[in-house]
Amino acid sequence: MALERMEEVERGLRLIPVLGEVMPEEADEGVRAVYEGVRARLRVPFVNFVFRVLANYPDYLRFAWGKMEPHLLTTYFERAADELRERALIEHVPDPPEEGWQGMGDIGSIRAFTDTIHYVLPRLLMVVSTFDEGLGGEPGGGEAIPEPAIAPGVAEGTLGLTMVAPDEASEDLSKLFEEIRQRHGHPGVASYYRAVGRWPGFLRTAWEQVGPLVGSRAYERRKGELLQHARSAVLELPLPSKGEVSALGVDDESAGELRAILAVFRLRVIPDTFLEVALIKAMLDGPEAARSSRFSFATT
């Protein structure tokens, strides 16, 4: 990672906890409309962490999302996400527990939620890459908007779970959350872990298998491949450019803050979670199942 980007990541890591998140029930009408679009166009029944942070800059969020939204239900976008998913599983998938997963929680709900997150993460990585490249001054592809391949709406069978709030976690779960956060150097615990934390036995067992791989050579190599592949895919799309953002009245200081936030999610939070959810999916259902998604409309 270039020094400039490392400094942006460090800035974003300091900034995100200060800004906090705009939860759906706290959002104004314009941001709520974006949140509704996120659910309908990303096809999942929740609004991801990155949007809840970007909502602190509502004019930017509305503009950038509006630029990207028409492309999210196209075959091009879905196939690009499928290709990322095919590449996300690192070597040496941990073995599932010898005694199996039963007794560690509601495995049906855990499996459905894992499938949902596994579906949305490559799509989310491309959205955030698009935002980041645009603010970085990269030229995008053509402005023509292709016809959507599918109607907007939450994909049937996807599942959202209520996250465990840090102040509601037991002492043992709080320690586990902090262990996960520190291992990654993230500004908080990823939403996936906060949700499956409803079943601490499952989370502890999964993390004991996945945690040692975080930051390994195979992990970092695969992350770099995913970031590069996502970048190549989004450069074919129209990007929300820095000039357009400036025309909204977003000053240089705010633009720098946005780039720092996007760097954290693009280079750390989203790809890290993607790699780990792919591993957990493989432990639950086998490696082949972790290379595709049952929710993809490009494969039906």
C-alpha atoms as a PDB file:
ATOM      1  CA  MET A   1       0.000   0.000   0.000  1.00  0.00           C
ATOM      2  CA  ALA A   2       1.394   3.394  -0.983  1.00  0.00           C
ATOM      3  CA  LEU A   3       2.406   5.703   1.864  1.00  0.00           C
ATOM      4  CA  GLU A   4      -0.315   8.185   0.929  1.00  0.00           C
ATOM      5  CA  ARG A   5      -2.991   5.525   1.260  1.00  0.00           C
ATOM      6  CA  MET A   6      -1.566   4.262   4.542  1.00  0.00           C
ATOM      7  CA  GLU A   7      -1.829   7.781   5.927  1.00  0.00           C
ATOM      8  CA  GLU A   8      -5.405   8.039   4.664  1.00  0.00           C
ATOM      9  CA  VAL A   9      -6.288   4.743   6.331  1.00  0.00           C
ATOM     10  CA  GLU A  10      -4.824   5.959   9.623  1.00  0.00           C
ATOM     11  CA  ARG A  11      -6.769   9.201   9.305  1.00  0.00           C
ATOM     12  CA  GLY A  12      -9.966   7.292   8.576  1.00  0.00           C
ATOM     13  CA  LEU A  13      -9.429   4.987  11.538  1.00  0.00           C
ATOM     14  CA  ARG A  14      -9.280   8.040  13.804  1.00  0.00           C
ATOM     15  CA  LEU A  15     -12.211   9.782  12.126  1.00  0.00           C
ATOM     16  CA  ILE A  16     -14.826   7.031  11.904  1.00  0.00           C
ATOM     17  CA  PRO A  17     -15.318   6.527  15.673  1.00  0.00           C
ATOM     18  CA  VAL A  18     -15.648  10.304  16.116  1.00  0.00           C
ATOM     19  CA  LEU A  19     -18.269  10.631  13.381  1.00  0.00           C
ATOM     20  CA  GLY A  20     -20.290   7.608  14.419  1.00  0.00           C
ATOM     21  CA  GLU A  21     -23.074   6.058  12.344  1.00  0.00           C
ATOM     22  CA  VAL A  22     -26.386   7.454  11.126  1.00  0.00           C
ATOM     23  CA  MET A  23     -28.809   4.643  11.857  1.00  0.00           C
ATOM     24  CA  PRO A  24     -31.932   4.318   9.676  1.00  0.00           C
ATOM     25  CA  GLU A  25     -34.248   5.592  12.400  1.00  0.00           C
ATOM     26  CA  GLU A  26     -32.053   8.699  12.795  1.00  0.00           C
ATOM     27  CA  ALA A  27     -31.698   9.546   9.108  1.00  0.00           C
ATOM     28  CA  ASP A  28     -33.378  12.460   7.354  1.00  0.00           C
ATOM     29  CA  GLU A  29     -35.670  11.933   4.371  1.00  0.00           C
ATOM     30  CA  GLY A  30     -32.893  12.130   1.763  1.00  0.00           C
ATOM     31  CA  VAL A  31     -30.632   9.659   3.532  1.00  0.00           C
ATOM     32  CA  ARG A  32     -33.556   7.313   4.211  1.00  0.00           C
ATOM     33  CA  ALA A  33     -34.209   7.270   0.465  1.00  0.00           C
ATOM     34  CA  VAL A  34     -30.597   6.237  -0.113  1.00  0.00           C
ATOM     35  CA  TYR A  35     -30.920   3.528   2.523  1.00  0.00           C
ATOM     36  CA  GLU A  36     -34.035   2.196   0.792  1.00  0.00           C
ATOM     37  CA  GLY A  37     -32.095   2.158  -2.469  1.00  0.00           C
ATOM     38  CA  VAL A  38     -29.224   0.300  -0.821  1.00  0.00           C
ATOM     39  CA  ARG A  39     -31.537  -2.468   0.291  1.00  0.00           C
ATOM     40  CA  ALA A  40     -33.339  -2.682  -3.051  1.00  0.00           C
ATOM     41  CA  ARG A  41     -30.259  -2.456  -5.291  1.00  0.00           C
ATOM     42  CA  LEU A  42     -27.797  -4.436  -3.201  1.00  0.00           C
ATOM     43  CA  ARG A  43     -30.673  -6.896  -2.628  1.00  0.00           C
ATOM     44  CA  VAL A  44     -30.161  -7.391   1.106  1.00  0.00           C
ATOM     45  CA  PRO A  45     -32.433  -6.505   4.055  1.00  0.00           C
ATOM     46  CA  PHE A  46     -30.036  -4.120   5.810  1.00  0.00           C
ATOM     47  CA  VAL A  47     -27.849  -1.066   5.293  1.00  0.00           C
ATOM     48  CA  ASN A  48     -24.120  -1.707   5.508  1.00  0.00           C
ATOM     49  CA  PHE A  49     -21.762   0.041   7.944  1.00  0.00           C
ATOM     50  CA  VAL A  50     -20.026   2.114   5.248  1.00  0.00           C
ATOM     51  CA  PHE A  51     -23.257   3.858   4.215  1.00  0.00           C
ATOM     52  CA  ARG A  52     -24.148   4.598   7.826  1.00  0.00           C
ATOM     53  CA  VAL A  53     -20.793   6.406   8.171  1.00  0.00           C
ATOM     54  CA  LEU A  54     -20.978   8.184   4.787  1.00  0.00           C
ATOM     55  CA  ALA A  55     -24.406   9.501   5.812  1.00  0.00           C
ATOM     56  CA  ASN A  56     -22.507  12.055   7.904  1.00  0.00           C
ATOM     57  CA  TYR A  57     -21.917  13.683   4.479  1.00  0.00           C
ATOM     58  CA  PRO A  58     -25.477  13.493   3.132  1.00  0.00           C
ATOM     59  CA  ASP A  59     -25.021  15.578  -0.032  1.00  0.00           C
ATOM     60  CA  TYR A  60     -22.087  13.446  -1.111  1.00  0.00           C
ATOM     61  CA  LEU A  61     -23.835  10.186  -0.264  1.00  0.00           C
ATOM     62  CA  ARG A  62     -26.955  11.099  -2.225  1.00  0.00           C
ATOM     63  CA  PHE A  63     -24.923  12.145  -5.267  1.00  0.00           C
ATOM     64  CA  ALA A  64     -22.459   9.235  -5.281  1.00  0.00           C
ATOM     65  CA  TRP A  65     -25.166   6.650  -4.667  1.00  0.00           C
ATOM     66  CA  GLY A  66     -27.333   8.155  -7.423  1.00  0.00           C
ATOM     67  CA  LYS A  67     -24.424   7.884  -9.857  1.00  0.00           C
ATOM     68  CA  MET A  68     -23.837   4.239  -9.008  1.00  0.00           C
ATOM     69  CA  GLU A  69     -27.367   2.978  -8.383  1.00  0.00           C
ATOM     70  CA  PRO A  70     -28.453   2.375 -12.009  1.00  0.00           C
ATOM     71  CA  HIS A  71     -25.614  -0.091 -12.574  1.00  0.00           C
ATOM     72  CA  LEU A  72     -26.141  -2.370  -9.592  1.00  0.00           C
ATOM     73  CA  LEU A  73     -28.787  -4.589 -11.168  1.00  0.00           C
ATOM     74  CA  THR A  74     -27.013  -5.040 -14.495  1.00  0.00           C
ATOM     75  CA  THR A  75     -25.531  -8.321 -15.660  1.00  0.00           C
ATOM     76  CA  TYR A  76     -22.097  -6.671 -15.937  1.00  0.00           C
ATOM     77  CA  PHE A  77     -22.041  -5.694 -12.273  1.00  0.00           C
ATOM     78  CA  GLU A  78     -23.371  -9.042 -11.052  1.00  0.00           C
ATOM     79  CA  ARG A  79     -20.902 -11.056 -13.107  1.00  0.00           C
ATOM     80  CA  ALA A  80     -18.031  -8.927 -11.848  1.00  0.00           C
ATOM     81  CA  ALA A  81     -19.165  -9.636  -8.269  1.00  0.00           C
ATOM     82  CA  ASP A  82     -19.409 -13.351  -9.096  1.00  0.00           C
ATOM     83  CA  GLU A  83     -15.816 -13.292 -10.371  1.00  0.00           C
ATOM     84  CA  LEU A  84     -14.635 -11.688  -7.149  1.00  0.00           C
ATOM     85  CA  ARG A  85     -16.451 -14.352  -5.149  1.00  0.00           C
ATOM     86  CA  GLU A  86     -14.764 -17.085  -7.172  1.00  0.00           C
ATOM     87  CA  ARG A  87     -11.366 -15.631  -6.216  1.00  0.00           C
ATOM     88  CA  ALA A  88     -12.002 -14.873  -2.534  1.00  0.00           C
ATOM     89  CA  LEU A  89     -11.228 -18.232  -0.931  1.00  0.00           C
ATOM     90  CA  ILE A  90      -7.627 -18.444   0.260  1.00  0.00           C
ATOM     91  CA  GLU A  91      -5.654 -21.663   0.353  1.00  0.00           C
ATOM     92  CA  HIS A  92      -5.704 -23.928   3.385  1.00  0.00           C
ATOM     93  CA  VAL A  93      -9.361 -23.640   4.357  1.00  0.00           C
ATOM     94  CA  PRO A  94      -9.627 -24.582   8.043  1.00  0.00           C
ATOM     95  CA  ASP A  95     -11.440 -27.779   8.898  1.00  0.00           C
ATOM     96  CA  PRO A  96     -14.845 -27.455  10.544  1.00  0.00           C
ATOM     97  CA  PRO A  97     -14.980 -28.610  14.171  1.00  0.00           C
ATOM     98  CA  GLU A  98     -14.805 -32.369  14.532  1.00  0.00           C
ATOM     99  CA  GLU A  99     -18.013 -32.437  16.534  1.00  0.00           C
ATOM    100  CA  GLY A 100     -19.825 -30.376  13.897  1.00  0.00           C
ATOM    101  CA  TRP A 101     -21.633 -27.070  14.326  1.00  0.00           C
ATOM    102  CA  GLN A 102     -24.727 -28.338  16.070  1.00  0.00           C
ATOM    103  CA  GLY A 103     -25.169 -26.996  19.563  1.00  0.00           C
ATOM    104  CA  MET A 104     -23.244 -23.800  18.781  1.00  0.00           C
ATOM    105  CA  GLY A 105     -26.288 -21.749  17.863  1.00  0.00           C
ATOM    106  CA  ASP A 106     -29.106 -21.492  15.352  1.00  0.00           C
ATOM    107  CA  ILE A 107     -27.121 -22.923  12.444  1.00  0.00           C
ATOM    108  CA  GLY A 108     -29.967 -22.398   9.988  1.00  0.00           C
ATOM    109  CA  SER A 109     -30.026 -18.658  10.692  1.00  0.00           C
ATOM    110  CA  ILE A 110     -26.227 -18.475  10.802  1.00  0.00           C
ATOM    111  CA  ARG A 111     -25.993 -20.200   7.425  1.00  0.00           C
ATOM    112  CA  ALA A 112     -28.633 -17.933   5.834  1.00  0.00           C
ATOM    113  CA  PHE A 113     -26.994 -14.794   7.220  1.00  0.00           C
ATOM    114  CA  THR A 114     -23.536 -15.953   6.144  1.00  0.00           C
ATOM    115  CA  ASP A 115     -24.893 -16.565   2.635  1.00  0.00           C
ATOM    116  CA  THR A 116     -26.383 -13.054   2.628  1.00  0.00           C
ATOM    117  CA  ILE A 117     -23.162 -11.356   3.687  1.00  0.00           C
ATOM    118  CA  HIS A 118     -21.158 -13.543   1.311  1.00  0.00           C
ATOM    119  CA  TYR A 119     -23.410 -12.318  -1.497  1.00  0.00           C
ATOM    120  CA  VAL A 120     -23.279  -8.607  -0.711  1.00  0.00           C
ATOM    121  CA  LEU A 121     -19.597  -8.130   0.150  1.00  0.00           C
ATOM    122  CA  PRO A 122     -18.134  -8.277  -3.392  1.00  0.00           C
ATOM    123  CA  ARG A 123     -20.899  -5.972  -4.595  1.00  0.00           C
ATOM    124  CA  LEU A 124     -20.144  -3.625  -1.720  1.00  0.00           C
ATOM    125  CA  LEU A 125     -16.412  -3.706  -2.485  1.00  0.00           C
ATOM    126  CA  MET A 126     -17.125  -2.547  -6.027  1.00  0.00           C
ATOM    127  CA  VAL A 127     -19.440   0.255  -4.883  1.00  0.00           C
ATOM    128  CA  VAL A 128     -16.861   1.604  -2.437  1.00  0.00           C
ATOM    129  CA  SER A 129     -14.069   1.187  -5.007  1.00  0.00           C
ATOM    130  CA  THR A 130     -16.130   3.276  -7.429  1.00  0.00           C
ATOM    131  CA  PHE A 131     -16.621   6.045  -4.876  1.00  0.00           C
ATOM    132  CA  ASP A 132     -12.927   6.001  -3.953  1.00  0.00           C
ATOM    133  CA  GLU A 133     -11.594   5.975  -7.504  1.00  0.00           C
ATOM    134  CA  GLY A 134     -13.865   8.878  -8.406  1.00  0.00           C
ATOM    135  CA  LEU A 135     -12.603  11.025  -5.533  1.00  0.00           C
ATOM    136  CA  GLY A 136      -9.063  10.006  -6.460  1.00  0.00           C
ATOM    137  CA  GLY A 137      -9.449  11.594  -9.873  1.00  0.00           C
ATOM    138  CA  GLU A 138      -9.490   8.460 -12.008  1.00  0.00           C
ATOM    139  CA  PRO A 139     -11.458   8.694 -15.273  1.00  0.00           C
ATOM    140  CA  GLY A 140     -14.351   6.260 -15.498  1.00  0.00           C
ATOM    141  CA  GLY A 141     -15.865   4.392 -18.391  1.00  0.00           C
ATOM    142  CA  GLY A 142     -18.791   5.420 -20.550  1.00  0.00           C
ATOM    143  CA  GLU A 143     -21.830   7.138 -19.139  1.00  0.00           C
ATOM    144  CA  ALA A 144     -24.358   4.906 -20.933  1.00  0.00           C
ATOM    145  CA  ILE A 145     -26.627   3.140 -18.474  1.00  0.00           C
ATOM    146  CA  PRO A 146     -27.488  -0.429 -19.527  1.00  0.00           C
ATOM    147  CA  GLU A 147     -30.858  -1.966 -18.922  1.00  0.00           C
ATOM    148  CA  PRO A 148     -31.211  -3.667 -15.531  1.00  0.00           C
ATOM    149  CA  ALA A 149     -31.361  -7.443 -15.698  1.00  0.00           C
ATOM    150  CA  ILE A 150     -33.656  -7.777 -12.691  1.00  0.00           C
ATOM    151  CA  ALA A 151     -36.175  -5.663 -10.781  1.00  0.00           C
ATOM    152  CA  PRO A 152     -35.071  -3.950  -7.549  1.00  0.00           C
ATOM    153  CA  GLY A 153     -35.851  -5.707  -4.308  1.00  0.00           C
ATOM    154  CA  VAL A 154     -34.398  -7.772  -1.506  1.00  0.00           C
ATOM    155  CA  ALA A 155     -33.400 -11.218  -2.775  1.00  0.00           C
ATOM    156  CA  GLU A 156     -35.641 -14.012  -1.556  1.00  0.00           C
ATOM    157  CA  GLY A 157     -33.965 -16.034   1.154  1.00  0.00           C
ATOM    158  CA  THR A 158     -31.560 -13.341   2.344  1.00  0.00           C
ATOM    159  CA  LEU A 159     -31.547 -12.703   6.071  1.00  0.00           C
ATOM    160  CA  GLY A 160     -30.730  -9.782   8.315  1.00  0.00           C
ATOM    161  CA  LEU A 161     -29.871 -10.228  11.963  1.00  0.00           C
ATOM    162  CA  THR A 162     -29.896  -7.715  14.788  1.00  0.00           C
ATOM    163  CA  MET A 163     -26.334  -6.891  15.767  1.00  0.00           C
ATOM    164  CA  VAL A 164     -25.184  -7.217  19.353  1.00  0.00           C
ATOM    165  CA  ALA A 165     -24.491  -3.711  20.625  1.00  0.00           C
ATOM    166  CA  PRO A 166     -21.098  -3.447  22.340  1.00  0.00           C
ATOM    167  CA  ASP A 167     -22.733  -2.249  25.568  1.00  0.00           C
ATOM    168  CA  GLU A 168     -25.131  -5.224  25.528  1.00  0.00           C
ATOM    169  CA  ALA A 169     -22.446  -7.888  25.108  1.00  0.00           C
ATOM    170  CA  SER A 170     -21.460 -10.132  27.984  1.00  0.00           C
ATOM    171  CA  GLU A 171     -17.981  -9.738  29.434  1.00  0.00           C
ATOM    172  CA  ASP A 172     -16.690 -12.770  27.505  1.00  0.00           C
ATOM    173  CA  LEU A 173     -18.280 -11.610  24.246  1.00  0.00           C
ATOM    174  CA  SER A 174     -16.922  -8.085  24.736  1.00  0.00           C
ATOM    175  CA  LYS A 175     -13.427  -9.540  25.097  1.00  0.00           C
ATOM    176  CA  LEU A 176     -13.913 -11.576  21.932  1.00  0.00           C
ATOM    177  CA  PHE A 177     -15.160  -8.532  20.018  1.00  0.00           C
ATOM    178  CA  GLU A 178     -12.140  -6.551  21.146  1.00  0.00           C
ATOM    179  CA  GLU A 179      -9.816  -9.411  20.190  1.00  0.00           C
ATOM    180  CA  ILE A 180     -11.325  -9.428  16.691  1.00  0.00           C
ATOM    181  CA  ARG A 181     -11.140  -5.639  16.367  1.00  0.00           C
ATOM    182  CA  GLN A 182      -7.531  -5.458  17.494  1.00  0.00           C
ATOM    183  CA  ARG A 183      -6.451  -8.352  15.280  1.00  0.00           C
ATOM    184  CA  HIS A 184      -7.670  -6.413  12.255  1.00  0.00           C
ATOM    185  CA  GLY A 185      -6.917  -2.878  13.380  1.00  0.00           C
ATOM    186  CA  HIS A 186     -10.445  -1.892  12.352  1.00  0.00           C
ATOM    187  CA  PRO A 187     -12.392   1.074  13.794  1.00  0.00           C
ATOM    188  CA  GLY A 188     -14.995  -1.333  15.130  1.00  0.00           C
ATOM    189  CA  VAL A 189     -16.117  -4.936  14.911  1.00  0.00           C
ATOM    190  CA  ALA A 190     -17.484  -5.885  11.497  1.00  0.00           C
ATOM    191  CA  SER A 191     -21.270  -6.161  11.343  1.00  0.00           C
ATOM    192  CA  TYR A 192     -21.042  -9.858  10.462  1.00  0.00           C
ATOM    193  CA  TYR A 193     -19.280 -10.702  13.698  1.00  0.00           C
ATOM    194  CA  ARG A 194     -21.554  -8.461  15.753  1.00  0.00           C
ATOM    195  CA  ALA A 195     -24.576 -10.298  14.328  1.00  0.00           C
ATOM    196  CA  VAL A 196     -23.352 -13.888  14.740  1.00  0.00           C
ATOM    197  CA  GLY A 197     -22.174 -12.830  18.191  1.00  0.00           C
ATOM    198  CA  ARG A 198     -25.744 -13.661  19.205  1.00  0.00           C
ATOM    199  CA  TRP A 199     -24.326 -17.201  19.306  1.00  0.00           C
ATOM    200  CA  PRO A 200     -20.982 -16.806  21.093  1.00  0.00           C
ATOM    201  CA  GLY A 201     -20.158 -20.504  20.806  1.00  0.00           C
ATOM    202  CA  PHE A 202     -20.295 -20.343  17.032  1.00  0.00           C
ATOM    203  CA  LEU A 203     -18.400 -17.052  16.854  1.00  0.00           C
ATOM    204  CA  ARG A 204     -15.634 -18.252  19.154  1.00  0.00           C
ATOM    205  CA  THR A 205     -15.189 -21.515  17.244  1.00  0.00           C
ATOM    206  CA  ALA A 206     -15.229 -19.822  13.820  1.00  0.00           C
ATOM    207  CA  TRP A 207     -12.812 -17.118  14.956  1.00  0.00           C
ATOM    208  CA  GLU A 208     -10.405 -19.630  16.453  1.00  0.00           C
ATOM    209  CA  GLN A 209     -10.140 -21.159  12.972  1.00  0.00           C
ATOM    210  CA  VAL A 210     -10.100 -17.963  10.915  1.00  0.00           C
ATOM    211  CA  GLY A 211      -8.256 -15.538  13.205  1.00  0.00           C
ATOM    212  CA  PRO A 212      -4.773 -17.089  12.839  1.00  0.00           C
ATOM    213  CA  LEU A 213      -4.973 -16.590   9.054  1.00  0.00           C
ATOM    214  CA  VAL A 214      -5.591 -12.831   9.284  1.00  0.00           C
ATOM    215  CA  GLY A 215      -2.580 -10.976   7.905  1.00  0.00           C
ATOM    216  CA  SER A 216      -0.869 -14.139   6.671  1.00  0.00           C
ATOM    217  CA  ARG A 217       0.972 -14.139   3.353  1.00  0.00           C
ATOM    218  CA  ALA A 218      -1.842 -16.041   1.650  1.00  0.00           C
ATOM    219  CA  TYR A 219      -4.433 -13.695   3.147  1.00  0.00           C
ATOM    220  CA  GLU A 220      -2.665 -10.520   2.046  1.00  0.00           C
ATOM    221  CA  ARG A 221      -1.900 -11.895  -1.405  1.00  0.00           C
ATOM    222  CA  ARG A 222      -5.510 -12.828  -2.004  1.00  0.00           C
ATOM    223  CA  LYS A 223      -6.698  -9.464  -0.689  1.00  0.00           C
ATOM    224  CA  GLY A 224      -4.416  -7.656  -3.117  1.00  0.00           C
ATOM    225  CA  GLU A 225      -5.801  -9.724  -5.994  1.00  0.00           C
ATOM    226  CA  LEU A 226      -9.384  -8.900  -5.006  1.00  0.00           C
ATOM    227  CA  LEU A 227      -8.658  -5.182  -4.744  1.00  0.00           C
ATOM    228  CA  GLN A 228      -7.015  -5.111  -8.154  1.00  0.00           C
ATOM    229  CA  HIS A 229      -9.782  -7.122  -9.795  1.00  0.00           C
ATOM    230  CA  ALA A 230     -12.449  -4.883  -8.270  1.00  0.00           C
ATOM    231  CA  ARG A 231     -10.581  -1.788  -9.473  1.00  0.00           C
ATOM    232  CA  SER A 232     -10.393  -3.100 -13.032  1.00  0.00           C
ATOM    233  CA  ALA A 233     -14.131  -3.812 -12.996  1.00  0.00           C
ATOM    234  CA  VAL A 234     -15.234  -0.415 -11.702  1.00  0.00           C
ATOM    235  CA  LEU A 235     -13.054   1.612 -14.046  1.00  0.00           C
ATOM    236  CA  GLU A 236     -15.519   0.533 -16.740  1.00  0.00           C
ATOM    237  CA  LEU A 237     -18.259   2.402 -14.877  1.00  0.00           C
ATOM    238  CA  PRO A 238     -18.958   6.149 -14.609  1.00  0.00           C
ATOM    239  CA  LEU A 239     -17.286   7.395 -11.445  1.00  0.00           C
ATOM    240  CA  PRO A 240     -18.565  10.136  -9.107  1.00  0.00           C
ATOM    241  CA  SER A 241     -15.675  12.468  -9.891  1.00  0.00           C
ATOM    242  CA  LYS A 242     -13.928  14.897  -7.572  1.00  0.00           C
ATOM    243  CA  GLY A 243     -14.995  17.802  -9.795  1.00  0.00           C
ATOM    244  CA  GLU A 244     -18.647  16.821  -9.555  1.00  0.00           C
ATOM    245  CA  VAL A 245     -18.325  16.419  -5.803  1.00  0.00           C
ATOM    246  CA  SER A 246     -16.760  19.885  -5.510  1.00  0.00           C
ATOM    247  CA  ALA A 247     -19.689  21.313  -7.461  1.00  0.00           C
ATOM    248  CA  LEU A 248     -21.974  20.021  -4.700  1.00  0.00           C
ATOM    249  CA  GLY A 249     -20.233  22.332  -2.268  1.00  0.00           C
ATOM    250  CA  VAL A 250     -18.071  19.627  -0.687  1.00  0.00           C
ATOM    251  CA  ASP A 251     -14.851  21.439   0.256  1.00  0.00           C
ATOM    252  CA  ASP A 252     -11.344  19.994   0.094  1.00  0.00           C
ATOM    253  CA  GLU A 253     -11.282  19.191   3.813  1.00  0.00           C
ATOM    254  CA  SER A 254     -14.499  17.164   3.603  1.00  0.00           C
ATOM    255  CA  ALA A 255     -13.317  15.480   0.397  1.00  0.00           C
ATOM    256  CA  GLY A 256     -10.146  14.445   2.218  1.00  0.00           C
ATOM    257  CA  GLU A 257     -12.195  13.050   5.077  1.00  0.00           C
ATOM    258  CA  LEU A 258     -14.352  11.100   2.628  1.00  0.00           C
ATOM    259  CA  ARG A 259     -11.310   9.639   0.912  1.00  0.00           C
ATOM    260  CA  ALA A 260      -9.906   8.591   4.295  1.00  0.00           C
ATOM    261  CA  ILE A 261     -13.178   6.885   5.273  1.00  0.00           C
ATOM    262  CA  LEU A 262     -13.405   5.126   1.924  1.00  0.00           C
ATOM    263  CA  ALA A 263      -9.792   3.955   2.245  1.00  0.00           C
ATOM    264  CA  VAL A 264     -10.606   2.226   5.547  1.00  0.00           C
ATOM    265  CA  PHE A 265     -13.580   0.377   4.097  1.00  0.00           C
ATOM    266  CA  ARG A 266     -12.082  -0.353   0.683  1.00  0.00           C
ATOM    267  CA  LEU A 267      -8.629  -1.450   1.809  1.00  0.00           C
ATOM    268  CA  ARG A 268      -9.390  -2.933   5.234  1.00  0.00           C
ATOM    269  CA  VAL A 269     -12.910  -3.577   6.502  1.00  0.00           C
ATOM    270  CA  ILE A 270     -14.694  -4.884   3.407  1.00  0.00           C
ATOM    271  CA  PRO A 271     -11.969  -7.115   1.891  1.00  0.00           C
ATOM    272  CA  ASP A 272     -10.962  -8.469   5.303  1.00  0.00           C
ATOM    273  CA  THR A 273     -14.543  -9.415   6.116  1.00  0.00           C
ATOM    274  CA  PHE A 274     -15.036 -10.815   2.613  1.00  0.00           C
ATOM    275  CA  LEU A 275     -12.040 -13.138   2.925  1.00  0.00           C
ATOM    276  CA  GLU A 276     -13.138 -14.344   6.358  1.00  0.00           C
ATOM    277  CA  VAL A 277     -16.803 -14.840   5.505  1.00  0.00           C
ATOM    278  CA  ALA A 278     -15.705 -16.880   2.476  1.00  0.00           C
ATOM    279  CA  LEU A 279     -13.680 -19.103   4.825  1.00  0.00           C
ATOM    280  CA  ILE A 280     -16.590 -19.464   7.241  1.00  0.00           C
ATOM    281  CA  LYS A 281     -18.907 -20.271   4.331  1.00  0.00           C
ATOM    282  CA  ALA A 282     -16.420 -22.954   3.236  1.00  0.00           C
ATOM    283  CA  MET A 283     -16.329 -24.422   6.735  1.00  0.00           C
ATOM    284  CA  LEU A 284     -20.124 -24.492   6.880  1.00  0.00           C
ATOM    285  CA  ASP A 285     -20.871 -25.808   3.389  1.00  0.00           C
ATOM    286  CA  GLY A 286     -17.617 -26.782   1.689  1.00  0.00           C
ATOM    287  CA  PRO A 287     -15.082 -24.926  -0.490  1.00  0.00           C
ATOM    288  CA  GLU A 288     -17.051 -25.186  -3.725  1.00  0.00           C
ATOM    289  CA  ALA A 289     -20.087 -23.580  -2.121  1.00  0.00           C
ATOM    290  CA  ALA A 290     -17.897 -20.637  -1.085  1.00  0.00           C
ATOM    291  CA  ARG A 291     -16.995 -19.812  -4.693  1.00  0.00           C
ATOM    292  CA  SER A 292     -20.505 -18.835  -5.751  1.00  0.00           C
ATOM    293  CA  SER A 293     -23.754 -17.446  -4.360  1.00  0.00           C
ATOM    294  CA  ARG A 294     -27.230 -18.849  -4.578  1.00  0.00           C
ATOM    295  CA  PHE A 295     -28.525 -15.273  -4.760  1.00  0.00           C
ATOM    296  CA  SER A 296     -26.666 -14.275  -7.930  1.00  0.00           C
ATOM    297  CA  PHE A 297     -29.017 -13.468 -10.794  1.00  0.00           C
ATOM    298  CA  ALA A 298     -26.192 -13.751 -13.363  1.00  0.00           C
ATOM    299  CA  THR A 299     -26.024 -17.529 -12.913  1.00  0.00           C
ATOM    300  CA  THR A 300     -29.734 -18.293 -13.128  1.00  0.00           C
END
